Amino acid sequence: MRSARLIAALAALPLALAACSGSGSGGPSAPSISDATADDRPVKNGGTLTIALDADPDALDPSTATTLNGRTVFASFCEKLYDIDAKSALVPQLATALPKVSADGKTATISLRAGVKFNDGTVFDAEAVKKSLDRHRTWKNSARQSDLAAVEKVTVVDPQTVRLTLSRPFTPLTAQLADRAGMIMSPKALDGEGDNFGANPVCVGPFKFAGRTSGSEIVLDRAADYYDAAKVKLDKVIYKIIVDPNVRAANLKSGDIQVADRLATTTVAGVQADPNLSVVAGGGFGYYGLTVNVGNTDGATEKPGKVDTPLGKSPQLREAFELSLNRELINKTVYNGLYEPDCSPLPLDSPYRAPGFQCPAHDVAKAKQLVAQSGIATPIPVTLTTPNDATNQRLAQVIQQMTKESGFAVTVKTAEFVTTLDQGKSGNFDTLLNGWSGRVDPDGNLNNMITAGGSNNYGGMSDAGIDDPIKEAAATADVTERRDLYAKAVQRAAELRGVIYLYHNKYYLGSRKNIAGIRYYEDGLPRLTTAGYAQ
């Protein structure tokens, strides 16, 4: 059990986060995913909706983007070949049907919507799809290369049909095309902007990009050329960057913003208590954790090297570090008990998760024993890099306190969110707090994240015991077979601890009650196509 001394230390940490919680001694009741049922009240035509984000997205280029907030903004102006629906089923978006896959699994034929235009008036057709997919999979700066690594060739069959030739059967293909790897960009804009496409992006969508002030806001206008324009009611959408969680909640209460994305868990109850506001829940696909640099010396996509830090060099010390962490207490202390503590990248309810998978028990005594056996003088120095928002800093402080008892001296280093991503990609860190918003197919939570050379494999993990079963699982559609293969990969990753998983995020969307028509699903992305001010 955790010592009374440590509990007292955690209680003494800054509590500013709780200032707006309004949760009372019993804590807030968590909104469930069922609360996110589509609000179909009729909405007025016109108006501007301002939605607050908790951090500034990276470049709005589907080929290079890696942030959840980027995905949130893309949802309003950059459609994909496929999407998910309210039940997390894969459905066509710019395609007209799910891919027709050949008997050998190596050819996928996709039919496309006719009569569609990009937001610059350019015609959407198979040539445009080929241009975007080829850029995603071959451009040296693309973060989508591993997403589409199985695709050898994209062929235009006719103006409304493309054929993807695969090097191997790849079951997650449709799921990949339901995210950034399936976003199709205007060929005219790609030719005109080139590598700078993200500064003036053009896609198909209900809204079109109008401008961006870095660190402040992103502005979208209603798109005149959208194929389903009759559904769109808002004139303008403004994504406003408000990092401080209490300020975000306060601006929602005052009416300065109409929607707040990803409310901090400490502010959920206070928003729920306001008669003018409502909260719905989404998310759960993804995870958050502590990435340990075990081999990223020259960049995540490069060949791993030797890292000269205590944790990076020693699996034994990484085990001790994990055993020092009390996931349940972290959830209660930092997140008001509104997240799902776990040590796996796969969601708790995933059919691909090994039955009976257990996390190692919190065990300070064993952690101390492992530290002593390492022969390294204590306190063992660890530098923890974290985004500079209040919630992440709170989490970092809790980790600092928990691991101190086992013999670690954690120094917390803060930076802007996007800066921490750059540091992760380059390997310029010891340990790093970061997460992944998750995908509907388990391959999206593993491949590229912990496989050798993956653009999001910040820890620099490289192990055949991880890579091979993940690759094999992607080649079969059999759920039981895939589950068993993922179990092997997850178990090996748990042994190496390049990522120490902490919990699965739930996302809480706050809005004014006069706003209707937002679609909010389990991927946690607010869809604003039908949103507006209620009549």
Protein backbone atom coordinates (compact mmCIF):
# COMPACT_ATOMS: atom_id res chain seq x y z
CA MET A 1 0.00 0.00 0.00
CA ARG A 2 1.04 3.56 -0.58
CA SER A 3 2.58 5.15 2.46
CA ALA A 4 0.72 7.87 4.30
CA ARG A 5 3.72 10.09 3.67
CA LEU A 6 3.34 9.87 -0.12
CA ILE A 7 -0.41 10.41 -0.04
CA ALA A 8 0.21 13.52 2.01
CA ALA A 9 2.82 14.66 -0.50
CA LEU A 10 0.40 14.20 -3.40
CA ALA A 11 -2.30 16.06 -1.55
CA ALA A 12 0.10 18.95 -1.02
CA LEU A 13 0.75 19.38 -4.75
CA PRO A 14 -0.76 22.52 -6.33
CA LEU A 15 -4.53 22.19 -6.50
CA ALA A 16 -5.33 25.06 -8.83
CA LEU A 17 -6.72 22.57 -11.31
CA ALA A 18 -9.58 21.78 -8.98
CA ALA A 19 -10.68 25.37 -8.61
CA CYS A 20 -13.54 25.03 -11.08
CA SER A 21 -14.38 21.40 -10.50
CA GLY A 22 -17.51 21.92 -8.40
CA SER A 23 -17.42 18.18 -7.85
CA GLY A 24 -17.96 18.08 -4.10
CA SER A 25 -16.59 15.34 -1.92
CA GLY A 26 -18.20 12.59 -3.97
CA GLY A 27 -16.63 13.68 -7.27
CA PRO A 28 -18.44 14.23 -10.57
CA SER A 29 -20.56 11.58 -12.22
CA ALA A 30 -19.03 10.67 -15.55
CA PRO A 31 -21.07 11.33 -18.69
CA SER A 32 -21.21 8.14 -20.75
CA ILE A 33 -20.78 7.61 -24.47
CA SER A 34 -24.56 7.13 -24.64
CA ASP A 35 -24.89 10.82 -23.73
CA ALA A 36 -23.34 11.65 -27.09
CA THR A 37 -26.40 10.51 -29.04
CA ALA A 38 -26.87 12.92 -31.92
CA ASP A 39 -28.82 16.04 -31.03
CA ASP A 40 -31.27 16.35 -33.89
CA ARG A 41 -33.04 19.54 -32.86
CA PRO A 42 -33.56 21.81 -35.89
CA VAL A 43 -30.96 24.56 -36.20
CA LYS A 44 -31.02 28.04 -37.64
CA ASN A 45 -29.20 29.00 -40.80
CA GLY A 46 -26.13 31.20 -40.22
CA GLY A 47 -23.95 32.26 -37.34
CA THR A 48 -20.43 31.66 -36.08
CA LEU A 49 -19.51 28.83 -33.73
CA THR A 50 -16.36 29.22 -31.63
CA ILE A 51 -14.89 26.00 -30.27
CA ALA A 52 -11.96 25.98 -27.87
CA LEU A 53 -9.02 23.59 -28.28
CA ASP A 54 -6.57 22.77 -25.50
CA ALA A 55 -3.47 23.16 -27.70
CA ASP A 56 -2.41 24.50 -31.08
CA PRO A 57 -2.40 21.82 -33.80
CA ASP A 58 0.68 21.18 -35.89
CA ALA A 59 0.66 21.99 -39.64
CA LEU A 60 -2.72 21.29 -41.26
CA ASP A 61 -1.19 18.96 -43.83
CA PRO A 62 -2.75 15.47 -43.76
CA SER A 63 0.52 13.93 -44.92
CA THR A 64 2.60 15.30 -42.04
CA ALA A 65 0.14 16.02 -39.22
CA THR A 66 0.41 13.96 -36.02
CA THR A 67 -1.76 15.76 -33.43
CA LEU A 68 -5.25 14.98 -32.16
CA ASN A 69 -6.18 18.65 -32.36
CA GLY A 70 -5.17 18.58 -36.00
CA ARG A 71 -7.58 15.67 -36.56
CA THR A 72 -10.29 17.72 -34.80
CA VAL A 73 -9.89 20.60 -37.24
CA PHE A 74 -9.54 18.31 -40.27
CA ALA A 75 -12.95 16.83 -39.42
CA SER A 76 -14.55 20.11 -40.54
CA PHE A 77 -12.72 20.74 -43.81
CA CYS A 78 -10.80 17.67 -45.01
CA GLU A 79 -12.89 14.59 -45.69
CA LYS A 80 -11.55 11.05 -46.12
CA LEU A 81 -12.37 8.08 -48.28
CA TYR A 82 -13.97 6.48 -45.20
CA ASP A 83 -15.16 7.49 -41.73
CA ILE A 84 -16.72 5.86 -38.67
CA ASP A 85 -20.32 6.20 -37.58
CA ALA A 86 -21.96 6.50 -34.16
CA LYS A 87 -21.43 2.76 -33.58
CA SER A 88 -17.74 2.94 -34.62
CA ALA A 89 -18.45 1.02 -37.83
CA LEU A 90 -16.42 1.94 -40.91
CA VAL A 91 -18.57 3.70 -43.51
CA PRO A 92 -17.91 5.41 -46.88
CA GLN A 93 -17.34 9.15 -46.95
CA LEU A 94 -15.73 10.21 -50.25
CA ALA A 95 -15.97 6.60 -51.40
CA THR A 96 -19.35 5.09 -52.20
CA ALA A 97 -18.78 1.64 -50.68
CA LEU A 98 -16.26 -0.33 -48.67
CA PRO A 99 -13.30 -1.55 -50.77
CA LYS A 100 -13.77 -4.63 -52.94
CA VAL A 101 -10.87 -6.86 -51.97
CA SER A 102 -9.56 -9.65 -54.22
CA ALA A 103 -9.50 -13.26 -53.06
CA ASP A 104 -5.74 -13.12 -52.41
CA GLY A 105 -6.13 -9.90 -50.40
CA LYS A 106 -3.66 -8.01 -52.58
CA THR A 107 -5.99 -5.78 -54.57
CA ALA A 108 -8.52 -3.29 -53.23
CA THR A 109 -10.87 -1.47 -55.61
CA ILE A 110 -12.56 1.70 -54.38
CA SER A 111 -15.49 3.46 -56.04
CA LEU A 112 -15.70 7.23 -55.55
CA ARG A 113 -18.46 9.82 -55.24
CA ALA A 114 -19.35 11.61 -58.46
CA GLY A 115 -20.13 15.31 -58.74
CA VAL A 116 -17.84 16.32 -55.88
CA LYS A 117 -15.61 19.40 -55.87
CA PHE A 118 -12.75 20.48 -53.64
CA ASN A 119 -13.20 23.73 -51.76
CA ASP A 120 -11.30 25.60 -54.51
CA GLY A 121 -13.71 24.35 -57.20
CA THR A 122 -11.34 21.67 -58.54
CA VAL A 123 -13.06 18.43 -59.53
CA PHE A 124 -12.68 15.48 -57.17
CA ASP A 125 -11.89 12.32 -59.15
CA ALA A 126 -9.68 9.25 -59.23
CA GLU A 127 -6.66 11.22 -60.45
CA ALA A 128 -6.93 13.48 -57.40
CA VAL A 129 -7.21 10.45 -55.11
CA LYS A 130 -4.13 8.87 -56.67
CA LYS A 131 -2.15 12.11 -56.28
CA SER A 132 -2.96 12.37 -52.57
CA LEU A 133 -2.41 8.69 -51.78
CA ASP A 134 0.91 8.68 -53.61
CA ARG A 135 1.99 11.76 -51.67
CA HIS A 136 0.96 10.14 -48.37
CA ARG A 137 2.90 6.96 -49.04
CA THR A 138 6.02 8.18 -50.88
CA TRP A 139 6.82 11.77 -49.87
CA LYS A 140 9.92 11.82 -47.67
CA ASN A 141 8.26 14.17 -45.16
CA SER A 142 5.07 12.13 -44.87
CA ALA A 143 4.05 10.59 -41.54
CA ARG A 144 1.63 8.33 -43.45
CA GLN A 145 4.26 6.11 -45.06
CA SER A 146 3.90 3.34 -42.48
CA ASP A 147 0.08 3.69 -42.58
CA LEU A 148 0.15 2.79 -46.27
CA ALA A 149 3.32 0.69 -46.35
CA ALA A 150 1.41 -2.27 -47.79
CA VAL A 151 0.31 -0.23 -50.82
CA GLU A 152 2.63 -0.77 -53.79
CA LYS A 153 0.70 1.10 -56.45
CA VAL A 154 -2.39 3.26 -56.93
CA THR A 155 -4.03 2.91 -60.34
CA VAL A 156 -6.75 5.04 -61.90
CA VAL A 157 -9.30 2.61 -63.34
CA ASP A 158 -11.73 5.30 -64.48
CA PRO A 159 -12.69 8.79 -63.21
CA GLN A 160 -14.69 7.31 -60.32
CA THR A 161 -12.58 4.24 -59.48
CA VAL A 162 -9.10 3.61 -58.06
CA ARG A 163 -7.34 0.30 -57.54
CA LEU A 164 -4.77 -0.22 -54.79
CA THR A 165 -2.21 -2.97 -55.37
CA LEU A 166 -0.82 -4.33 -52.11
CA SER A 167 2.43 -6.14 -51.36
CA ARG A 168 0.59 -8.27 -48.82
CA PRO A 169 -2.92 -8.72 -47.47
CA PHE A 170 -3.63 -5.78 -45.15
CA THR A 171 -6.84 -5.98 -43.15
CA PRO A 172 -6.49 -2.51 -41.52
CA LEU A 173 -6.49 -0.74 -44.91
CA THR A 174 -10.04 0.64 -44.67
CA ALA A 175 -9.40 1.87 -41.13
CA GLN A 176 -6.25 3.66 -42.29
CA LEU A 177 -8.22 5.29 -45.10
CA ALA A 178 -10.73 6.46 -42.49
CA ASP A 179 -8.05 8.70 -41.00
CA ARG A 180 -5.40 11.08 -42.34
CA ALA A 181 -4.03 8.49 -44.80
CA GLY A 182 -7.42 8.65 -46.53
CA MET A 183 -7.70 12.46 -46.64
CA ILE A 184 -7.74 13.72 -50.22
CA MET A 185 -6.22 17.10 -51.07
CA SER A 186 -6.90 19.42 -53.98
CA PRO A 187 -4.35 18.64 -56.73
CA LYS A 188 -4.41 22.31 -57.71
CA ALA A 189 -3.46 23.33 -54.17
CA LEU A 190 -0.80 20.62 -53.96
CA ASP A 191 0.78 21.87 -57.18
CA GLY A 192 0.60 25.47 -56.02
CA GLU A 193 1.68 25.07 -52.39
CA GLY A 194 3.93 22.00 -52.55
CA ASP A 195 5.62 21.31 -49.23
CA ASN A 196 3.79 24.33 -47.74
CA PHE A 197 0.32 22.89 -48.35
CA GLY A 198 -0.38 22.97 -44.59
CA ALA A 199 -0.22 26.78 -44.59
CA ASN A 200 -3.14 27.04 -47.03
CA PRO A 201 -4.83 23.62 -47.12
CA VAL A 202 -7.65 22.77 -49.53
CA CYS A 203 -9.74 19.60 -49.34
CA VAL A 204 -13.37 18.51 -49.66
CA GLY A 205 -15.43 19.51 -46.65
CA PRO A 206 -18.43 21.40 -45.26
CA PHE A 207 -16.11 24.27 -44.37
CA LYS A 208 -13.01 25.68 -46.04
CA PHE A 209 -9.81 26.98 -44.54
CA ALA A 210 -9.87 30.79 -44.24
CA GLY A 211 -6.88 31.64 -42.04
CA ARG A 212 -4.76 30.87 -39.03
CA THR A 213 -3.05 32.88 -36.32
CA SER A 214 -0.45 30.64 -34.72
CA GLY A 215 -1.18 29.95 -31.06
CA SER A 216 -4.46 31.85 -31.23
CA GLU A 217 -7.09 30.62 -33.70
CA ILE A 218 -7.97 28.79 -36.91
CA VAL A 219 -10.87 30.16 -38.98
CA LEU A 220 -13.04 28.16 -41.38
CA ASP A 221 -15.82 29.50 -43.63
CA ARG A 222 -18.82 27.68 -45.04
CA ALA A 223 -17.82 25.93 -48.28
CA ALA A 224 -19.95 26.87 -51.27
CA ASP A 225 -18.81 23.85 -53.32
CA TYR A 226 -19.54 21.16 -50.72
CA TYR A 227 -21.51 18.25 -52.20
CA ASP A 228 -23.92 18.14 -49.23
CA ALA A 229 -24.14 21.91 -48.72
CA ALA A 230 -27.85 21.84 -47.73
CA LYS A 231 -26.90 20.18 -44.43
CA VAL A 232 -24.46 22.94 -43.46
CA LYS A 233 -25.99 25.82 -41.47
CA LEU A 234 -23.10 27.69 -39.84
CA ASP A 235 -21.40 30.52 -41.73
CA LYS A 236 -18.13 30.23 -39.87
CA VAL A 237 -16.26 28.03 -37.39
CA ILE A 238 -13.45 29.41 -35.24
CA TYR A 239 -11.13 27.04 -33.40
CA LYS A 240 -9.74 29.10 -30.54
CA ILE A 241 -6.62 27.92 -28.70
CA ILE A 242 -7.15 28.12 -24.92
CA VAL A 243 -4.55 26.03 -23.12
CA ASP A 244 -5.60 26.75 -19.54
CA PRO A 245 -8.41 24.33 -18.59
CA ASN A 246 -10.04 26.70 -16.11
CA VAL A 247 -10.06 29.55 -18.62
CA ARG A 248 -11.56 27.21 -21.21
CA ALA A 249 -14.39 26.26 -18.84
CA ALA A 250 -14.90 29.87 -17.73
CA ASN A 251 -15.17 31.08 -21.33
CA LEU A 252 -17.79 28.42 -22.00
CA LYS A 253 -19.81 29.53 -18.97
CA SER A 254 -19.60 33.19 -19.99
CA GLY A 255 -20.63 32.45 -23.57
CA ASP A 256 -17.40 33.75 -25.12
CA ILE A 257 -17.14 30.32 -26.72
CA GLN A 258 -19.99 27.97 -27.56
CA VAL A 259 -18.12 24.64 -27.39
CA ALA A 260 -15.10 23.45 -25.38
CA ASP A 261 -13.32 20.39 -26.71
CA ARG A 262 -11.72 17.95 -24.26
CA LEU A 263 -12.70 19.61 -21.02
CA ALA A 264 -10.21 18.93 -18.24
CA THR A 265 -11.64 16.29 -15.92
CA THR A 266 -11.34 18.76 -13.07
CA THR A 267 -13.82 21.09 -14.78
CA VAL A 268 -16.40 18.54 -15.97
CA ALA A 269 -18.63 18.68 -12.89
CA GLY A 270 -18.65 22.47 -12.82
CA VAL A 271 -19.77 22.59 -16.44
CA GLN A 272 -22.40 19.90 -15.79
CA ALA A 273 -23.79 21.95 -12.92
CA ASP A 274 -24.42 25.01 -15.12
CA PRO A 275 -28.04 25.01 -16.37
CA ASN A 276 -26.96 26.62 -19.65
CA LEU A 277 -24.36 23.96 -20.48
CA SER A 278 -24.18 20.25 -21.26
CA VAL A 279 -21.40 17.65 -21.39
CA VAL A 280 -21.14 14.54 -23.56
CA ALA A 281 -18.44 11.85 -23.51
CA GLY A 282 -16.42 10.30 -26.30
CA GLY A 283 -13.04 8.73 -26.79
CA GLY A 284 -11.63 5.55 -25.33
CA PHE A 285 -9.78 4.24 -28.39
CA GLY A 286 -6.50 5.82 -27.37
CA TYR A 287 -4.07 5.90 -24.49
CA TYR A 288 -1.67 8.11 -22.60
CA GLY A 289 1.65 7.15 -21.15
CA LEU A 290 5.28 7.79 -20.49
CA THR A 291 7.61 7.09 -23.41
CA VAL A 292 11.16 6.12 -22.47
CA ASN A 293 13.91 6.79 -24.99
CA VAL A 294 15.45 3.34 -25.39
CA GLY A 295 17.00 3.77 -28.85
CA ASN A 296 16.01 7.01 -30.57
CA THR A 297 19.39 8.64 -31.15
CA ASP A 298 18.94 10.00 -34.69
CA GLY A 299 15.18 10.30 -35.16
CA ALA A 300 12.21 7.98 -34.78
CA THR A 301 12.39 6.67 -38.35
CA GLU A 302 16.15 6.03 -38.28
CA LYS A 303 18.07 2.95 -37.16
CA PRO A 304 18.10 2.82 -33.35
CA GLY A 305 21.28 3.52 -31.40
CA LYS A 306 22.53 3.30 -27.84
CA VAL A 307 20.95 5.74 -25.38
CA ASP A 308 23.13 6.82 -22.47
CA THR A 309 20.55 7.36 -19.72
CA PRO A 310 19.81 5.11 -16.72
CA LEU A 311 16.27 4.25 -17.84
CA GLY A 312 17.20 4.02 -21.52
CA LYS A 313 19.94 1.50 -20.83
CA SER A 314 18.23 -0.68 -18.26
CA PRO A 315 14.98 -2.68 -18.65
CA GLN A 316 15.40 -3.50 -14.95
CA LEU A 317 15.21 0.17 -13.97
CA ARG A 318 12.26 0.74 -16.32
CA GLU A 319 10.46 -2.06 -14.51
CA ALA A 320 11.27 -0.43 -11.17
CA PHE A 321 9.98 2.89 -12.48
CA GLU A 322 6.69 1.33 -13.60
CA LEU A 323 6.23 -0.55 -10.32
CA SER A 324 6.58 2.79 -8.51
CA LEU A 325 3.52 4.16 -10.29
CA ASN A 326 0.03 3.71 -8.88
CA ARG A 327 -2.27 4.05 -11.87
CA GLU A 328 -5.46 4.09 -9.83
CA LEU A 329 -4.13 6.87 -7.61
CA ILE A 330 -2.97 8.83 -10.66
CA ASN A 331 -6.49 8.61 -12.08
CA LYS A 332 -8.06 9.82 -8.85
CA THR A 333 -5.44 12.48 -8.06
CA VAL A 334 -5.04 14.02 -11.51
CA TYR A 335 -8.24 13.13 -13.37
CA ASN A 336 -11.00 12.96 -10.74
CA GLY A 337 -11.40 9.25 -11.52
CA LEU A 338 -12.81 9.98 -15.00
CA TYR A 339 -10.24 8.03 -17.04
CA GLU A 340 -9.56 4.27 -17.33
CA PRO A 341 -6.25 3.16 -15.74
CA ASP A 342 -4.46 0.52 -17.84
CA CYS A 343 -1.06 -0.72 -19.01
CA SER A 344 -1.97 -1.71 -22.59
CA PRO A 345 -2.29 0.29 -25.82
CA LEU A 346 -5.49 -1.64 -26.63
CA PRO A 347 -8.81 -0.43 -25.15
CA LEU A 348 -10.27 -2.35 -22.24
CA ASP A 349 -13.25 -3.51 -24.31
CA SER A 350 -11.31 -4.31 -27.49
CA PRO A 351 -12.12 -7.74 -29.00
CA TYR A 352 -8.43 -7.90 -29.90
CA ARG A 353 -7.25 -7.67 -26.31
CA ALA A 354 -5.96 -10.88 -24.73
CA PRO A 355 -8.47 -12.25 -22.18
CA GLY A 356 -7.20 -11.94 -18.65
CA PHE A 357 -4.43 -9.49 -19.50
CA GLN A 358 -3.19 -8.08 -16.20
CA CYS A 359 -1.12 -5.04 -15.31
CA PRO A 360 1.79 -5.44 -12.90
CA ALA A 361 0.73 -4.58 -9.37
CA HIS A 362 1.97 -1.37 -7.82
CA ASP A 363 4.91 -2.58 -5.72
CA VAL A 364 7.33 -0.08 -4.19
CA ALA A 365 9.21 -2.77 -2.26
CA LYS A 366 10.04 -4.66 -5.45
CA ALA A 367 10.91 -1.39 -7.20
CA LYS A 368 13.42 -0.59 -4.46
CA GLN A 369 14.86 -4.08 -4.75
CA LEU A 370 15.37 -3.72 -8.51
CA VAL A 371 16.99 -0.32 -8.04
CA ALA A 372 19.38 -1.80 -5.47
CA GLN A 373 20.22 -4.71 -7.78
CA SER A 374 21.10 -2.31 -10.61
CA GLY A 375 24.15 -1.11 -8.70
CA ILE A 376 23.48 2.50 -9.74
CA ALA A 377 23.82 5.08 -6.99
CA THR A 378 20.59 6.69 -5.89
CA PRO A 379 18.87 8.97 -6.46
CA ILE A 380 18.83 7.90 -10.12
CA PRO A 381 18.35 10.96 -12.37
CA VAL A 382 15.44 10.99 -14.82
CA THR A 383 14.37 13.95 -16.95
CA LEU A 384 10.65 13.97 -17.72
CA THR A 385 9.53 16.18 -20.60
CA THR A 386 5.89 17.25 -20.53
CA PRO A 387 3.59 19.64 -22.40
CA ASN A 388 3.27 22.85 -20.40
CA ASP A 389 -0.47 22.74 -19.76
CA ALA A 390 -1.61 22.53 -16.15
CA THR A 391 -2.95 18.96 -16.32
CA ASN A 392 0.22 17.46 -17.75
CA GLN A 393 2.33 19.38 -15.26
CA ARG A 394 0.16 17.99 -12.46
CA LEU A 395 0.66 14.44 -13.81
CA ALA A 396 4.41 15.00 -14.03
CA GLN A 397 4.51 16.17 -10.41
CA VAL A 398 2.60 13.10 -9.25
CA ILE A 399 5.01 10.82 -11.14
CA GLN A 400 7.90 12.74 -9.60
CA GLN A 401 6.56 12.11 -6.11
CA MET A 402 5.66 8.45 -6.68
CA THR A 403 9.04 7.44 -8.07
CA LYS A 404 11.03 9.36 -5.48
CA GLU A 405 10.27 6.72 -2.86
CA SER A 406 11.89 4.02 -5.02
CA GLY A 407 15.12 5.95 -5.54
CA PHE A 408 14.49 8.07 -8.63
CA ALA A 409 15.03 11.82 -8.88
CA VAL A 410 12.73 13.10 -11.61
CA THR A 411 13.37 16.54 -13.05
CA VAL A 412 10.34 17.93 -14.89
CA LYS A 413 11.02 19.82 -18.11
CA THR A 414 8.10 21.65 -19.78
CA ALA A 415 7.62 22.86 -23.34
CA GLU A 416 4.86 23.80 -25.76
CA PHE A 417 2.90 20.75 -26.88
CA VAL A 418 4.11 20.80 -30.50
CA THR A 419 7.67 21.31 -29.29
CA THR A 420 7.45 18.14 -27.20
CA LEU A 421 6.35 16.26 -30.33
CA ASP A 422 9.38 17.57 -32.21
CA GLN A 423 11.59 16.48 -29.34
CA GLY A 424 9.96 13.06 -29.40
CA LYS A 425 10.50 12.63 -33.14
CA SER A 426 14.14 13.72 -32.93
CA GLY A 427 14.97 11.70 -29.81
CA ASN A 428 15.81 14.81 -27.81
CA PHE A 429 14.42 13.51 -24.51
CA ASP A 430 14.93 11.02 -21.69
CA THR A 431 11.27 10.32 -20.86
CA LEU A 432 8.25 12.02 -22.39
CA LEU A 433 4.57 12.31 -21.50
CA ASN A 434 2.52 11.82 -24.63
CA GLY A 435 -0.45 9.90 -25.92
CA TRP A 436 -2.32 8.63 -28.93
CA SER A 437 -5.95 9.34 -29.72
CA GLY A 438 -6.49 5.79 -30.93
CA ARG A 439 -7.97 4.09 -33.97
CA VAL A 440 -10.89 1.78 -34.55
CA ASP A 441 -8.57 -1.01 -35.77
CA PRO A 442 -5.91 -2.20 -33.27
CA ASP A 443 -3.18 -1.93 -35.89
CA GLY A 444 -3.57 1.84 -35.60
CA ASN A 445 -2.55 1.73 -31.92
CA LEU A 446 0.50 -0.47 -32.47
CA ASN A 447 1.98 -0.30 -35.95
CA ASN A 448 4.05 2.87 -36.35
CA MET A 449 3.83 3.47 -32.58
CA ILE A 450 6.11 0.70 -31.25
CA THR A 451 7.37 -0.91 -34.47
CA ALA A 452 10.87 -0.29 -35.77
CA GLY A 453 11.17 2.84 -37.91
CA GLY A 454 7.64 4.08 -37.20
CA SER A 455 7.30 7.86 -37.36
CA ASN A 456 5.53 7.85 -33.98
CA ASN A 457 7.90 5.34 -32.37
CA TYR A 458 9.51 8.07 -30.29
CA GLY A 459 11.13 5.60 -27.90
CA GLY A 460 13.09 3.98 -30.71
CA MET A 461 11.85 0.47 -29.95
CA SER A 462 13.09 -2.19 -32.37
CA ASP A 463 12.28 -5.81 -31.64
CA ALA A 464 11.17 -8.67 -33.87
CA GLY A 465 8.99 -9.97 -31.05
CA ILE A 466 6.90 -6.82 -31.48
CA ASP A 467 7.19 -6.18 -35.21
CA ASP A 468 6.55 -9.66 -36.59
CA PRO A 469 3.25 -10.48 -34.86
CA ILE A 470 1.87 -7.00 -35.63
CA LYS A 471 2.69 -7.50 -39.31
CA GLU A 472 1.20 -11.02 -39.27
CA ALA A 473 -1.98 -9.79 -37.57
CA ALA A 474 -2.54 -7.21 -40.30
CA ALA A 475 -2.51 -9.96 -42.92
CA THR A 476 -5.51 -11.86 -41.55
CA ALA A 477 -9.15 -10.96 -40.99
CA ASP A 478 -9.68 -13.67 -38.37
CA VAL A 479 -10.39 -11.89 -35.07
CA THR A 480 -9.15 -14.73 -32.85
CA GLU A 481 -5.92 -15.08 -34.81
CA ARG A 482 -5.33 -11.35 -34.74
CA ARG A 483 -6.05 -11.22 -31.01
CA ASP A 484 -3.48 -13.93 -30.28
CA LEU A 485 -0.84 -12.23 -32.38
CA TYR A 486 -1.45 -8.85 -30.77
CA ALA A 487 -1.18 -10.53 -27.36
CA LYS A 488 2.37 -11.59 -28.23
CA ALA A 489 3.33 -8.10 -29.39
CA VAL A 490 1.77 -6.35 -26.41
CA GLN A 491 3.42 -8.77 -23.98
CA ARG A 492 6.85 -8.19 -25.52
CA ALA A 493 6.32 -4.43 -25.48
CA ALA A 494 5.35 -4.70 -21.80
CA GLU A 495 8.64 -6.47 -21.08
CA LEU A 496 10.74 -3.85 -22.89
CA ARG A 497 8.79 -0.85 -21.54
CA GLY A 498 9.65 1.62 -24.27
CA VAL A 499 6.22 2.99 -23.36
CA ILE A 500 4.80 2.76 -19.85
CA TYR A 501 1.07 3.04 -20.51
CA LEU A 502 -0.94 4.81 -17.81
CA TYR A 503 -4.58 5.08 -18.87
CA HIS A 504 -7.15 5.34 -21.65
CA ASN A 505 -8.46 8.86 -22.15
CA LYS A 506 -12.11 9.71 -22.15
CA TYR A 507 -12.97 12.99 -23.84
CA TYR A 508 -15.56 15.40 -22.50
CA LEU A 509 -17.17 17.90 -24.84
CA GLY A 510 -18.87 20.88 -23.23
CA SER A 511 -21.32 23.06 -25.11
CA ARG A 512 -23.94 25.74 -24.69
CA LYS A 513 -27.42 24.21 -24.64
CA ASN A 514 -28.48 26.41 -27.53
CA ILE A 515 -26.05 24.54 -29.80
CA ALA A 516 -27.41 21.44 -31.57
CA GLY A 517 -26.43 19.01 -34.30
CA ILE A 518 -22.87 18.20 -33.22
CA ARG A 519 -21.98 14.57 -33.92
CA TYR A 520 -19.61 13.18 -31.28
CA TYR A 521 -18.41 9.61 -31.57
CA GLU A 522 -15.99 7.28 -29.87
CA ASP A 523 -13.00 8.76 -31.71
CA GLY A 524 -13.59 12.02 -29.81
CA LEU A 525 -13.75 14.25 -32.90
CA PRO A 526 -16.60 16.81 -32.90
CA ARG A 527 -18.25 16.75 -36.34
CA LEU A 528 -19.80 20.11 -37.12
CA THR A 529 -21.37 19.55 -40.55
CA THR A 530 -24.93 19.71 -39.15
CA ALA A 531 -24.17 21.89 -36.12
CA GLY A 532 -25.78 25.24 -35.48
CA TYR A 533 -27.84 27.37 -33.14
CA ALA A 534 -31.03 25.61 -32.10
CA GLN A 535 -34.28 27.13 -33.37
